[in-house]
C-alpha atoms as a PDB file:
ATOM      1  CA  UNK A   1       0.040  -0.003   0.181  1.00  0.00           C
ATOM      2  CA  UNK A   2       1.107   3.457  -0.821  1.00  0.00           C
ATOM      3  CA  UNK A   3      -0.599   6.447   0.714  1.00  0.00           C
ATOM      4  CA  UNK A   4       0.465  10.216   1.100  1.00  0.00           C
ATOM      5  CA  UNK A   5      -0.757  11.700   3.935  1.00  0.00           C
ATOM      6  CA  UNK A   6      -0.851  15.839   3.395  1.00  0.00           C
ATOM      7  CA  UNK A   7      -1.659  18.534   5.851  1.00  0.00           C
ATOM      8  CA  UNK A   8      -5.171  20.500   4.343  1.00  0.00           C
ATOM      9  CA  UNK A   9      -5.919  22.432   7.926  1.00  0.00           C
ATOM     10  CA  UNK A  10      -8.110  24.724   7.280  1.00  0.00           C
ATOM     11  CA  UNK A  11      -8.011  26.883  10.851  1.00  0.00           C
ATOM     12  CA  UNK A  12      -4.026  26.660  10.215  1.00  0.00           C
ATOM     13  CA  UNK A  13      -1.148  24.109   9.379  1.00  0.00           C
ATOM     14  CA  UNK A  14      -0.200  22.254  12.394  1.00  0.00           C
ATOM     15  CA  UNK A  15       1.861  18.788  12.691  1.00  0.00           C
ATOM     16  CA  UNK A  16      -0.268  15.454  12.767  1.00  0.00           C
ATOM     17  CA  UNK A  17       1.558  12.589  14.259  1.00  0.00           C
ATOM     18  CA  UNK A  18       0.078   9.808  12.509  1.00  0.00           C
ATOM     19  CA  UNK A  19      -0.025   6.397  14.011  1.00  0.00           C
ATOM     20  CA  UNK A  20      -0.709   2.867  12.232  1.00  0.00           C
ATOM     21  CA  UNK A  21      -1.546  -0.048  14.314  1.00  0.00           C
ATOM     22  CA  UNK A  22      -0.875  -3.472  13.154  1.00  0.00           C
ATOM     23  CA  UNK A  23       2.327  -2.381  10.907  1.00  0.00           C
ATOM     24  CA  UNK A  24       5.466  -0.943  10.481  1.00  0.00           C
ATOM     25  CA  UNK A  25       5.246   1.334   7.212  1.00  0.00           C
ATOM     26  CA  UNK A  26       8.159   2.830   5.640  1.00  0.00           C
ATOM     27  CA  UNK A  27       8.600   6.620   4.835  1.00  0.00           C
ATOM     28  CA  UNK A  28       9.728   7.017   1.491  1.00  0.00           C
ATOM     29  CA  UNK A  29       9.062  10.977   1.260  1.00  0.00           C
ATOM     30  CA  UNK A  30       8.055  14.160   2.689  1.00  0.00           C
ATOM     31  CA  UNK A  31       7.680  17.513   1.643  1.00  0.00           C
ATOM     32  CA  UNK A  32       6.102  21.109   2.059  1.00  0.00           C
ATOM     33  CA  UNK A  33       3.098  22.625   0.232  1.00  0.00           C
ATOM     34  CA  UNK A  34       1.008  20.251  -1.753  1.00  0.00           C
ATOM     35  CA  UNK A  35       2.040  17.148  -2.442  1.00  0.00           C
ATOM     36  CA  UNK A  36       2.405  16.691  -6.694  1.00  0.00           C
ATOM     37  CA  UNK A  37       2.114  13.246  -7.969  1.00  0.00           C
ATOM     38  CA  UNK A  38       3.918  13.914 -11.274  1.00  0.00           C
ATOM     39  CA  UNK A  39       6.846  14.980  -9.833  1.00  0.00           C
ATOM     40  CA  UNK A  40       7.371  14.079  -6.144  1.00  0.00           C
ATOM     41  CA  UNK A  41       7.495  10.305  -6.400  1.00  0.00           C
ATOM     42  CA  UNK A  42      10.546  10.476  -8.265  1.00  0.00           C
ATOM     43  CA  UNK A  43      12.484  11.871  -5.115  1.00  0.00           C
ATOM     44  CA  UNK A  44      10.965   8.950  -3.232  1.00  0.00           C
ATOM     45  CA  UNK A  45      13.744   7.052  -1.085  1.00  0.00           C
ATOM     46  CA  UNK A  46      13.131   3.455  -2.286  1.00  0.00           C
ATOM     47  CA  UNK A  47      16.898   2.558  -1.367  1.00  0.00           C
ATOM     48  CA  UNK A  48      16.917   2.625   2.396  1.00  0.00           C
ATOM     49  CA  UNK A  49      14.085   4.623   3.757  1.00  0.00           C
ATOM     50  CA  UNK A  50      12.972   4.821   7.627  1.00  0.00           C
ATOM     51  CA  UNK A  51      11.045   2.048   9.045  1.00  0.00           C
ATOM     52  CA  UNK A  52       8.211   3.709  11.705  1.00  0.00           C
ATOM     53  CA  UNK A  53       4.520   2.947  12.743  1.00  0.00           C
ATOM     54  CA  UNK A  54       4.260   6.852  13.688  1.00  0.00           C
ATOM     55  CA  UNK A  55       5.166   9.607  11.528  1.00  0.00           C
ATOM     56  CA  UNK A  56       4.763  13.259  11.690  1.00  0.00           C
ATOM     57  CA  UNK A  57       3.191  14.901   8.413  1.00  0.00           C
ATOM     58  CA  UNK A  58       4.667  17.834   8.377  1.00  0.00           C
ATOM     59  CA  UNK A  59       2.837  21.426   9.082  1.00  0.00           C
ATOM     60  CA  UNK A  60       1.591  22.482   5.781  1.00  0.00           C
ATOM     61  CA  UNK A  61       3.274  19.675   3.852  1.00  0.00           C
ATOM     62  CA  UNK A  62       3.052  16.158   3.172  1.00  0.00           C
ATOM     63  CA  UNK A  63       4.500  12.515   3.817  1.00  0.00           C
ATOM     64  CA  UNK A  64       4.650   9.487   1.904  1.00  0.00           C
ATOM     65  CA  UNK A  65       4.195   5.820   3.429  1.00  0.00           C
ATOM     66  CA  UNK A  66       4.504   2.293   1.724  1.00  0.00           C
ATOM     67  CA  UNK A  67       3.502  -0.867   4.074  1.00  0.00           C
ATOM     68  CA  UNK A  68       2.748  -4.450   2.944  1.00  0.00           C
ATOM     69  CA  UNK A  69      -0.821  -5.049   4.053  1.00  0.00           C
ATOM     70  CA  UNK A  70       0.092  -8.760   5.131  1.00  0.00           C
ATOM     71  CA  UNK A  71      -1.396  -8.603   8.693  1.00  0.00           C
ATOM     72  CA  UNK A  72      -5.408  -9.810   8.558  1.00  0.00           C
ATOM     73  CA  UNK A  73      -7.793  -7.773  10.676  1.00  0.00           C
ATOM     74  CA  UNK A  74      -9.133  -4.379  11.185  1.00  0.00           C
ATOM     75  CA  UNK A  75      -6.287  -1.535  11.975  1.00  0.00           C
ATOM     76  CA  UNK A  76      -7.044   1.427  13.774  1.00  0.00           C
ATOM     77  CA  UNK A  77      -4.714   4.617  11.744  1.00  0.00           C
ATOM     78  CA  UNK A  78      -5.262   7.763  13.960  1.00  0.00           C
ATOM     79  CA  UNK A  79      -3.534  11.115  14.995  1.00  0.00           C
ATOM     80  CA  UNK A  80      -1.876  11.113  18.162  1.00  0.00           C
ATOM     81  CA  UNK A  81      -3.224  14.138  19.360  1.00  0.00           C
ATOM     82  CA  UNK A  82      -6.320  13.380  21.075  1.00  0.00           C
ATOM     83  CA  UNK A  83      -8.617  16.368  19.857  1.00  0.00           C
ATOM     84  CA  UNK A  84      -7.715  15.604  16.339  1.00  0.00           C
ATOM     85  CA  UNK A  85      -9.198  11.837  16.286  1.00  0.00           C
ATOM     86  CA  UNK A  86     -12.308  12.972  17.667  1.00  0.00           C
ATOM     87  CA  UNK A  87     -12.496  15.537  14.847  1.00  0.00           C
ATOM     88  CA  UNK A  88     -12.052  12.783  12.775  1.00  0.00           C
ATOM     89  CA  UNK A  89      -8.725  12.626  11.898  1.00  0.00           C
ATOM     90  CA  UNK A  90      -9.263   8.870  12.233  1.00  0.00           C
ATOM     91  CA  UNK A  91      -9.736   5.500  10.166  1.00  0.00           C
ATOM     92  CA  UNK A  92      -9.709   1.755   9.597  1.00  0.00           C
ATOM     93  CA  UNK A  93      -7.791  -0.480   7.257  1.00  0.00           C
ATOM     94  CA  UNK A  94      -9.684  -3.850   6.521  1.00  0.00           C
ATOM     95  CA  UNK A  95      -7.091  -6.121   5.487  1.00  0.00           C
ATOM     96  CA  UNK A  96      -8.234  -9.491   4.365  1.00  0.00           C
ATOM     97  CA  UNK A  97      -6.805 -12.805   4.788  1.00  0.00           C
ATOM     98  CA  UNK A  98      -3.798 -14.036   2.412  1.00  0.00           C
ATOM     99  CA  UNK A  99      -2.813 -17.178   0.810  1.00  0.00           C
ATOM    100  CA  UNK A 100       0.018 -17.911   3.177  1.00  0.00           C
ATOM    101  CA  UNK A 101      -0.672 -19.780   6.377  1.00  0.00           C
ATOM    102  CA  UNK A 102       1.117 -16.340   8.289  1.00  0.00           C
ATOM    103  CA  UNK A 103      -1.390 -14.410   6.487  1.00  0.00           C
ATOM    104  CA  UNK A 104      -4.632 -15.887   7.899  1.00  0.00           C
ATOM    105  CA  UNK A 105      -7.021 -14.689  10.671  1.00  0.00           C
ATOM    106  CA  UNK A 106      -7.457 -17.794  13.387  1.00  0.00           C
ATOM    107  CA  UNK A 107     -10.586 -19.352  13.895  1.00  0.00           C
ATOM    108  CA  UNK A 108     -12.695 -18.537  17.102  1.00  0.00           C
ATOM    109  CA  UNK A 109     -11.648 -20.495  20.324  1.00  0.00           C
ATOM    110  CA  UNK A 110     -13.835 -23.655  20.772  1.00  0.00           C
ATOM    111  CA  UNK A 111     -14.942 -22.581  23.764  1.00  0.00           C
ATOM    112  CA  UNK A 112     -15.781 -18.781  22.702  1.00  0.00           C
ATOM    113  CA  UNK A 113     -19.267 -18.330  23.827  1.00  0.00           C
ATOM    114  CA  UNK A 114     -21.986 -17.333  21.137  1.00  0.00           C
ATOM    115  CA  UNK A 115     -24.340 -14.464  20.767  1.00  0.00           C
END
């Protein structure tokens, strides 16, 4: 998955420390101003990008991340500034089962009570 996160605050630019549960990701690029999909990817670091699970989106800027979505489940991505999460700066990634054994959701335990 490649994702570009852009700070487009109406009330004023501020940093957003975005955290992704269930995965580490690679920060392949970042910049100030608006992300340009025609020019900016040419500057991505695809050789030795830093690996993180939280990244600060620069004030008035953008950051590009990549990760392999191979961990089945529903994973929360949110801003670590709690008030921003309450304003809607959050999302959930639904990652389905893959083909390999380590890419499958485990079945529920046999003694799990029924609804």
